[in-house]
C-alpha atoms as a PDB file:
ATOM      1  CA  MET A   1     -15.556  16.508  -8.728  1.00  0.00           C
ATOM      2  CA  ILE A   2     -12.328  16.676 -10.706  1.00  0.00           C
ATOM      3  CA  ALA A   3      -9.827  13.814 -10.208  1.00  0.00           C
ATOM      4  CA  PRO A   4      -6.031  14.833  -9.298  1.00  0.00           C
ATOM      5  CA  ASP A   5      -5.047  13.687 -12.850  1.00  0.00           C
ATOM      6  CA  GLY A   6      -7.823  16.075 -14.125  1.00  0.00           C
ATOM      7  CA  HIS A   7      -6.464  18.919 -12.111  1.00  0.00           C
ATOM      8  CA  VAL A   8      -2.970  18.354 -13.604  1.00  0.00           C
ATOM      9  CA  ALA A   9      -4.222  18.046 -17.358  1.00  0.00           C
ATOM     10  CA  LEU A  10      -6.002  21.275 -16.650  1.00  0.00           C
ATOM     11  CA  TRP A  11      -3.148  23.179 -15.165  1.00  0.00           C
ATOM     12  CA  PHE A  12      -0.905  22.000 -18.009  1.00  0.00           C
ATOM     13  CA  SER A  13      -3.246  23.088 -20.469  1.00  0.00           C
ATOM     14  CA  GLU A  14      -3.587  26.546 -19.145  1.00  0.00           C
ATOM     15  CA  HIS A  15       0.114  26.859 -18.360  1.00  0.00           C
ATOM     16  CA  TRP A  16       2.083  24.942 -21.145  1.00  0.00           C
ATOM     17  CA  PHE A  17       3.292  27.773 -22.876  1.00  0.00           C
ATOM     18  CA  GLU A  18       4.633  29.410 -19.621  1.00  0.00           C
ATOM     19  CA  LEU A  19       6.075  26.047 -18.993  1.00  0.00           C
ATOM     20  CA  LEU A  20       7.959  26.082 -22.343  1.00  0.00           C
ATOM     21  CA  ALA A  21       9.182  29.631 -22.019  1.00  0.00           C
ATOM     22  CA  ALA A  22      10.414  28.915 -18.360  1.00  0.00           C
ATOM     23  CA  ALA A  23      12.444  25.558 -19.456  1.00  0.00           C
ATOM     24  CA  VAL A  24      14.010  26.987 -22.200  1.00  0.00           C
ATOM     25  CA  SER A  25      15.088  30.225 -20.303  1.00  0.00           C
ATOM     26  CA  ALA A  26      16.515  28.195 -17.681  1.00  0.00           C
ATOM     27  CA  VAL A  27      18.680  26.177 -20.299  1.00  0.00           C
ATOM     28  CA  ASP A  28      19.743  29.773 -21.728  1.00  0.00           C
ATOM     29  CA  VAL A  29      20.962  31.103 -18.349  1.00  0.00           C
ATOM     30  CA  TRP A  30      22.563  27.864 -17.416  1.00  0.00           C
ATOM     31  CA  LEU A  31      24.697  27.979 -20.692  1.00  0.00           C
ATOM     32  CA  ALA A  32      25.587  31.651 -19.996  1.00  0.00           C
ATOM     33  CA  THR A  33      27.136  30.619 -16.526  1.00  0.00           C
ATOM     34  CA  LYS A  34      29.491  28.237 -18.682  1.00  0.00           C
ATOM     35  CA  ARG A  35      30.469  30.995 -21.187  1.00  0.00           C
ATOM     36  CA  SER A  36      28.874  28.931 -23.812  1.00  0.00           C
ATOM     37  CA  MET A  37      28.571  30.397 -27.171  1.00  0.00           C
ATOM     38  CA  ILE A  38      25.118  28.074 -27.681  1.00  0.00           C
ATOM     39  CA  SER A  39      23.516  30.472 -25.060  1.00  0.00           C
ATOM     40  CA  TRP A  40      22.973  33.429 -27.505  1.00  0.00           C
ATOM     41  CA  PRO A  41      20.629  31.562 -30.175  1.00  0.00           C
ATOM     42  CA  ILE A  42      18.907  29.945 -27.051  1.00  0.00           C
ATOM     43  CA  THR A  43      18.428  33.520 -25.492  1.00  0.00           C
ATOM     44  CA  ILE A  44      16.848  34.394 -28.916  1.00  0.00           C
ATOM     45  CA  LEU A  45      14.211  31.624 -28.651  1.00  0.00           C
ATOM     46  CA  ALA A  46      13.626  32.079 -24.847  1.00  0.00           C
ATOM     47  CA  SER A  47      12.902  35.985 -25.483  1.00  0.00           C
ATOM     48  CA  LEU A  48      10.318  35.144 -28.356  1.00  0.00           C
ATOM     49  CA  LEU A  49       8.592  32.824 -26.201  1.00  0.00           C
ATOM     50  CA  TYR A  50       8.546  35.274 -23.079  1.00  0.00           C
ATOM     51  CA  GLY A  51       7.598  37.951 -25.407  1.00  0.00           C
ATOM     52  CA  GLU A  52       4.056  36.386 -26.062  1.00  0.00           C
ATOM     53  CA  GLN A  53       3.649  35.301 -22.430  1.00  0.00           C
ATOM     54  CA  PHE A  54       4.230  39.114 -21.283  1.00  0.00           C
ATOM     55  CA  ARG A  55       2.028  40.324 -24.000  1.00  0.00           C
ATOM     56  CA  GLU A  56      -0.897  38.121 -22.609  1.00  0.00           C
ATOM     57  CA  SER A  57      -0.254  39.143 -19.280  1.00  0.00           C
ATOM     58  CA  ARG A  58      -0.003  43.115 -20.047  1.00  0.00           C
ATOM     59  CA  LEU A  59       3.332  43.451 -19.022  1.00  0.00           C
ATOM     60  CA  TYR A  60       4.288  45.382 -22.120  1.00  0.00           C
ATOM     61  CA  SER A  61       7.610  46.631 -20.752  1.00  0.00           C
ATOM     62  CA  ASP A  62       8.719  43.286 -20.094  1.00  0.00           C
ATOM     63  CA  MET A  63       7.221  42.464 -23.696  1.00  0.00           C
ATOM     64  CA  LEU A  64       9.535  45.169 -25.275  1.00  0.00           C
ATOM     65  CA  LEU A  65      12.144  44.103 -23.001  1.00  0.00           C
ATOM     66  CA  GLN A  66      12.331  40.731 -24.943  1.00  0.00           C
ATOM     67  CA  GLY A  67      12.312  42.375 -28.441  1.00  0.00           C
ATOM     68  CA  ILE A  68      15.487  43.943 -27.292  1.00  0.00           C
ATOM     69  CA  PHE A  69      17.105  41.088 -25.819  1.00  0.00           C
ATOM     70  CA  VAL A  70      16.989  39.695 -29.185  1.00  0.00           C
ATOM     71  CA  VAL A  71      19.007  42.377 -30.697  1.00  0.00           C
ATOM     72  CA  PHE A  72      21.645  42.368 -27.842  1.00  0.00           C
ATOM     73  CA  ALA A  73      21.821  38.636 -28.270  1.00  0.00           C
ATOM     74  CA  ILE A  74      22.526  38.921 -32.009  1.00  0.00           C
ATOM     75  CA  TYR A  75      25.307  41.406 -30.665  1.00  0.00           C
ATOM     76  CA  GLY A  76      26.592  39.354 -27.807  1.00  0.00           C
ATOM     77  CA  TRP A  77      26.830  36.236 -30.169  1.00  0.00           C
ATOM     78  CA  TRP A  78      28.879  38.331 -32.412  1.00  0.00           C
ATOM     79  CA  HIS A  79      31.032  39.797 -29.893  1.00  0.00           C
ATOM     80  CA  TRP A  80      31.652  36.633 -28.129  1.00  0.00           C
ATOM     81  CA  TYR A  81      32.758  34.632 -31.301  1.00  0.00           C
ATOM     82  CA  ARG A  82      34.981  37.392 -32.166  1.00  0.00           C
ATOM     83  CA  GLY A  83      36.681  37.078 -28.592  1.00  0.00           C
ATOM     84  CA  LEU A  84      36.735  33.285 -28.975  1.00  0.00           C
ATOM     85  CA  LYS A  85      38.431  33.314 -32.310  1.00  0.00           C
ATOM     86  CA  ALA A  86      40.931  35.934 -31.362  1.00  0.00           C
ATOM     87  CA  GLU A  87      41.914  34.961 -27.876  1.00  0.00           C
ATOM     88  CA  GLY A  88      40.681  30.978 -28.105  1.00  0.00           C
ATOM     89  CA  SER A  89      38.122  31.305 -25.132  1.00  0.00           C
ATOM     90  CA  VAL A  90      35.336  33.770 -24.095  1.00  0.00           C
ATOM     91  CA  ARG A  91      37.085  35.966 -21.731  1.00  0.00           C
ATOM     92  CA  VAL A  92      35.778  37.508 -18.443  1.00  0.00           C
ATOM     93  CA  VAL A  93      36.108  41.386 -17.994  1.00  0.00           C
ATOM     94  CA  THR A  94      36.513  43.400 -15.350  1.00  0.00           C
ATOM     95  CA  PRO A  95      35.521  47.227 -16.356  1.00  0.00           C
ATOM     96  CA  GLY A  96      36.170  50.337 -14.138  1.00  0.00           C
ATOM     97  CA  ILE A  97      33.831  51.817 -11.680  1.00  0.00           C
ATOM     98  CA  ALA A  98      33.126  54.970 -14.129  1.00  0.00           C
ATOM     99  CA  VAL A  99      31.908  52.366 -16.777  1.00  0.00           C
ATOM    100  CA  LEU A 100      29.511  50.824 -14.433  1.00  0.00           C
ATOM    101  CA  LEU A 101      28.360  54.119 -13.102  1.00  0.00           C
ATOM    102  CA  ARG A 102      27.781  55.328 -16.383  1.00  0.00           C
ATOM    103  CA  ASP A 103      25.552  52.346 -17.437  1.00  0.00           C
ATOM    104  CA  SER A 104      23.737  52.261 -14.332  1.00  0.00           C
ATOM    105  CA  ILE A 105      22.770  55.906 -14.906  1.00  0.00           C
ATOM    106  CA  LEU A 106      21.627  55.172 -18.229  1.00  0.00           C
ATOM    107  CA  GLY A 107      19.614  52.433 -16.705  1.00  0.00           C
ATOM    108  CA  VAL A 108      17.716  54.836 -14.404  1.00  0.00           C
ATOM    109  CA  ILE A 109      17.162  57.177 -17.280  1.00  0.00           C
ATOM    110  CA  ALA A 110      15.581  54.468 -19.294  1.00  0.00           C
ATOM    111  CA  SER A 111      13.569  53.104 -16.528  1.00  0.00           C
ATOM    112  CA  LEU A 112      12.060  56.688 -16.074  1.00  0.00           C
ATOM    113  CA  LEU A 113      11.314  57.362 -19.633  1.00  0.00           C
ATOM    114  CA  LEU A 114       9.810  53.874 -20.211  1.00  0.00           C
ATOM    115  CA  GLY A 115       7.832  54.017 -16.896  1.00  0.00           C
ATOM    116  CA  TYR A 116       5.971  57.656 -17.916  1.00  0.00           C
ATOM    117  CA  LEU A 117       5.187  56.222 -21.558  1.00  0.00           C
ATOM    118  CA  MET A 118       3.529  52.914 -20.155  1.00  0.00           C
ATOM    119  CA  LEU A 119       1.965  54.774 -17.567  1.00  0.00           C
ATOM    120  CA  LYS A 120       0.531  57.644 -20.075  1.00  0.00           C
ATOM    121  CA  ASN A 121      -0.493  55.246 -23.124  1.00  0.00           C
ATOM    122  CA  THR A 122      -0.956  51.834 -22.103  1.00  0.00           C
ATOM    123  CA  ASP A 123      -3.097  49.921 -19.667  1.00  0.00           C
ATOM    124  CA  ALA A 124       0.271  48.455 -18.287  1.00  0.00           C
ATOM    125  CA  SER A 125       0.150  46.469 -15.094  1.00  0.00           C
ATOM    126  CA  LEU A 126       2.670  48.036 -12.498  1.00  0.00           C
ATOM    127  CA  PRO A 127       4.030  50.617 -15.239  1.00  0.00           C
ATOM    128  CA  TRP A 128       6.681  51.798 -12.747  1.00  0.00           C
ATOM    129  CA  LEU A 129       8.070  48.879 -11.215  1.00  0.00           C
ATOM    130  CA  ASP A 130       7.958  46.953 -14.863  1.00  0.00           C
ATOM    131  CA  ALA A 131       9.729  49.801 -16.266  1.00  0.00           C
ATOM    132  CA  ALA A 132      12.444  49.798 -13.919  1.00  0.00           C
ATOM    133  CA  LEU A 133      13.168  45.936 -13.951  1.00  0.00           C
ATOM    134  CA  THR A 134      13.454  46.562 -17.914  1.00  0.00           C
ATOM    135  CA  GLY A 135      15.724  49.148 -17.898  1.00  0.00           C
ATOM    136  CA  PHE A 136      18.194  47.265 -15.657  1.00  0.00           C
ATOM    137  CA  SER A 137      17.676  44.041 -17.502  1.00  0.00           C
ATOM    138  CA  LEU A 138      18.993  46.077 -20.268  1.00  0.00           C
ATOM    139  CA  VAL A 139      22.008  47.000 -18.590  1.00  0.00           C
ATOM    140  CA  GLY A 140      22.730  43.270 -17.201  1.00  0.00           C
ATOM    141  CA  THR A 141      22.221  42.056 -20.999  1.00  0.00           C
ATOM    142  CA  TRP A 142      24.654  44.615 -22.063  1.00  0.00           C
ATOM    143  CA  TRP A 143      27.179  43.646 -19.585  1.00  0.00           C
ATOM    144  CA  GLY A 144      26.657  39.961 -20.435  1.00  0.00           C
ATOM    145  CA  ALA A 145      27.314  40.606 -23.760  1.00  0.00           C
ATOM    146  CA  GLN A 146      30.456  42.741 -22.811  1.00  0.00           C
ATOM    147  CA  LYS A 147      31.659  39.791 -20.949  1.00  0.00           C
ATOM    148  CA  TYR A 148      31.636  41.796 -17.564  1.00  0.00           C
ATOM    149  CA  ILE A 149      31.536  39.737 -14.374  1.00  0.00           C
ATOM    150  CA  ALA A 150      29.495  42.549 -12.726  1.00  0.00           C
ATOM    151  CA  ASN A 151      26.251  41.332 -14.671  1.00  0.00           C
ATOM    152  CA  TRP A 152      25.887  38.413 -12.395  1.00  0.00           C
ATOM    153  CA  TRP A 153      25.699  40.887  -9.550  1.00  0.00           C
ATOM    154  CA  LEU A 154      23.056  42.764 -11.057  1.00  0.00           C
ATOM    155  CA  TRP A 155      20.805  39.874 -12.470  1.00  0.00           C
ATOM    156  CA  ILE A 156      20.934  38.688  -8.688  1.00  0.00           C
ATOM    157  CA  VAL A 157      19.296  41.756  -7.623  1.00  0.00           C
ATOM    158  CA  VAL A 158      16.878  42.156 -10.612  1.00  0.00           C
ATOM    159  CA  ASP A 159      15.705  38.375 -10.524  1.00  0.00           C
ATOM    160  CA  LEU A 160      14.767  38.713  -6.563  1.00  0.00           C
ATOM    161  CA  ILE A 161      12.696  41.845  -7.344  1.00  0.00           C
ATOM    162  CA  TYR A 162      11.095  39.744 -10.405  1.00  0.00           C
ATOM    163  CA  ILE A 163      10.042  37.110  -8.086  1.00  0.00           C
ATOM    164  CA  GLY A 164       7.951  39.275  -6.146  1.00  0.00           C
ATOM    165  CA  GLU A 165       6.457  41.052  -9.231  1.00  0.00           C
ATOM    166  CA  TYR A 166       5.334  37.497 -10.696  1.00  0.00           C
ATOM    167  CA  VAL A 167       4.113  36.080  -7.634  1.00  0.00           C
ATOM    168  CA  TYR A 168       1.646  39.368  -7.658  1.00  0.00           C
ATOM    169  CA  LYS A 169       0.610  38.741 -11.058  1.00  0.00           C
ATOM    170  CA  GLY A 170       0.058  35.142 -10.586  1.00  0.00           C
ATOM    171  CA  LEU A 171       2.676  33.889 -12.813  1.00  0.00           C
ATOM    172  CA  ASN A 172       3.619  31.692 -10.227  1.00  0.00           C
ATOM    173  CA  LEU A 173       5.534  29.129 -12.470  1.00  0.00           C
ATOM    174  CA  THR A 174       7.693  32.115 -13.940  1.00  0.00           C
ATOM    175  CA  ALA A 175       8.417  33.450 -10.124  1.00  0.00           C
ATOM    176  CA  GLY A 176       9.919  29.974  -9.459  1.00  0.00           C
ATOM    177  CA  LEU A 177      11.685  30.194 -12.653  1.00  0.00           C
ATOM    178  CA  TYR A 178      13.438  33.678 -11.361  1.00  0.00           C
ATOM    179  CA  ALA A 179      14.133  32.007  -7.979  1.00  0.00           C
ATOM    180  CA  LEU A 180      16.257  29.556 -10.310  1.00  0.00           C
ATOM    181  CA  PHE A 181      17.789  32.327 -12.024  1.00  0.00           C
ATOM    182  CA  VAL A 182      18.721  33.768  -8.741  1.00  0.00           C
ATOM    183  CA  LEU A 183      20.542  30.633  -8.130  1.00  0.00           C
ATOM    184  CA  LEU A 184      22.191  30.170 -11.532  1.00  0.00           C
ATOM    185  CA  ALA A 185      23.310  33.738 -11.327  1.00  0.00           C
ATOM    186  CA  MET A 186      25.283  32.931  -8.224  1.00  0.00           C
ATOM    187  CA  LEU A 187      26.641  29.841 -10.257  1.00  0.00           C
ATOM    188  CA  GLY A 188      27.625  32.244 -12.888  1.00  0.00           C
ATOM    189  CA  LEU A 189      29.439  34.562 -10.690  1.00  0.00           C
ATOM    190  CA  ARG A 190      31.257  31.526  -9.022  1.00  0.00           C
ATOM    191  CA  ASP A 191      32.493  30.166 -11.994  1.00  0.00           C
ATOM    192  CA  TRP A 192      33.224  33.591 -13.953  1.00  0.00           C
ATOM    193  CA  ARG A 193      35.456  34.485 -10.965  1.00  0.00           C
ATOM    194  CA  ARG A 194      37.170  31.277 -11.227  1.00  0.00           C
ATOM    195  CA  ALA A 195      37.675  31.875 -14.924  1.00  0.00           C
ATOM    196  CA  LEU A 196      39.119  35.345 -14.248  1.00  0.00           C
ATOM    197  CA  VAL A 197      41.568  33.943 -11.694  1.00  0.00           C
ATOM    198  CA  ASN A 198      42.878  31.462 -14.376  1.00  0.00           C
ATOM    199  CA  GLN A 199      43.158  34.372 -17.081  1.00  0.00           C
ATOM    200  CA  ARG A 200      45.198  36.431 -14.479  1.00  0.00           C
ATOM    201  CA  THR A 201      47.325  33.345 -13.678  1.00  0.00           C
ATOM    202  CA  LEU A 202      47.876  32.462 -17.171  1.00  0.00           C
ATOM    203  CA  ARG A 203      48.636  36.426 -17.845  1.00  0.00           C
ATOM    204  CA  VAL A 204      51.480  36.322 -14.976  1.00  0.00           C
ATOM    205  CA  GLU A 205      53.147  33.196 -16.085  1.00  0.00           C
ATOM    206  CA  THR A 206      53.205  34.368 -19.932  1.00  0.00           C
ATOM    207  CA  VAL A 207      54.999  37.638 -18.808  1.00  0.00           C
END
């Protein structure tokens, strides 16, 4: 019979890498809610860690997504830094409906193409669902890099669906992490709304 502390040690030995990736990712999202520049290098680290985790779980679309996250993080880091130098802060942007619709259509197209490729060429688990979540995670990451406040609305929906996927795959720690992500996305939406109100107030005062 294994003692309780033996169960804990066994669980940790099997899940320590997932736990590390989850912790780094949680810090990453929290920093993003604060519009902190440090969030971008943390994003890169979290993406590399989860890329390996998803490879082991045969969630290949998610693994590919982490590599693209790295590219987007480099761009977002540069784009936020340029705005910081020009305006003194990372300013929130509200895009038009046409922009949001265009990007959403691109997300659908990416999801369908990736799902088909994964279904036909790999032994991917849940190829269509994984591909759809990947496609719209790319849209969410792009919107975040562009400082669109709508990125938080999209992440709330995507992360809720991710919770179900990860529970099904037995990645319960990651499912718990994504439940935390939903709460952090709500926090990010609240904080970015406040920042947007302050921006508009300052703009009116300076006119």
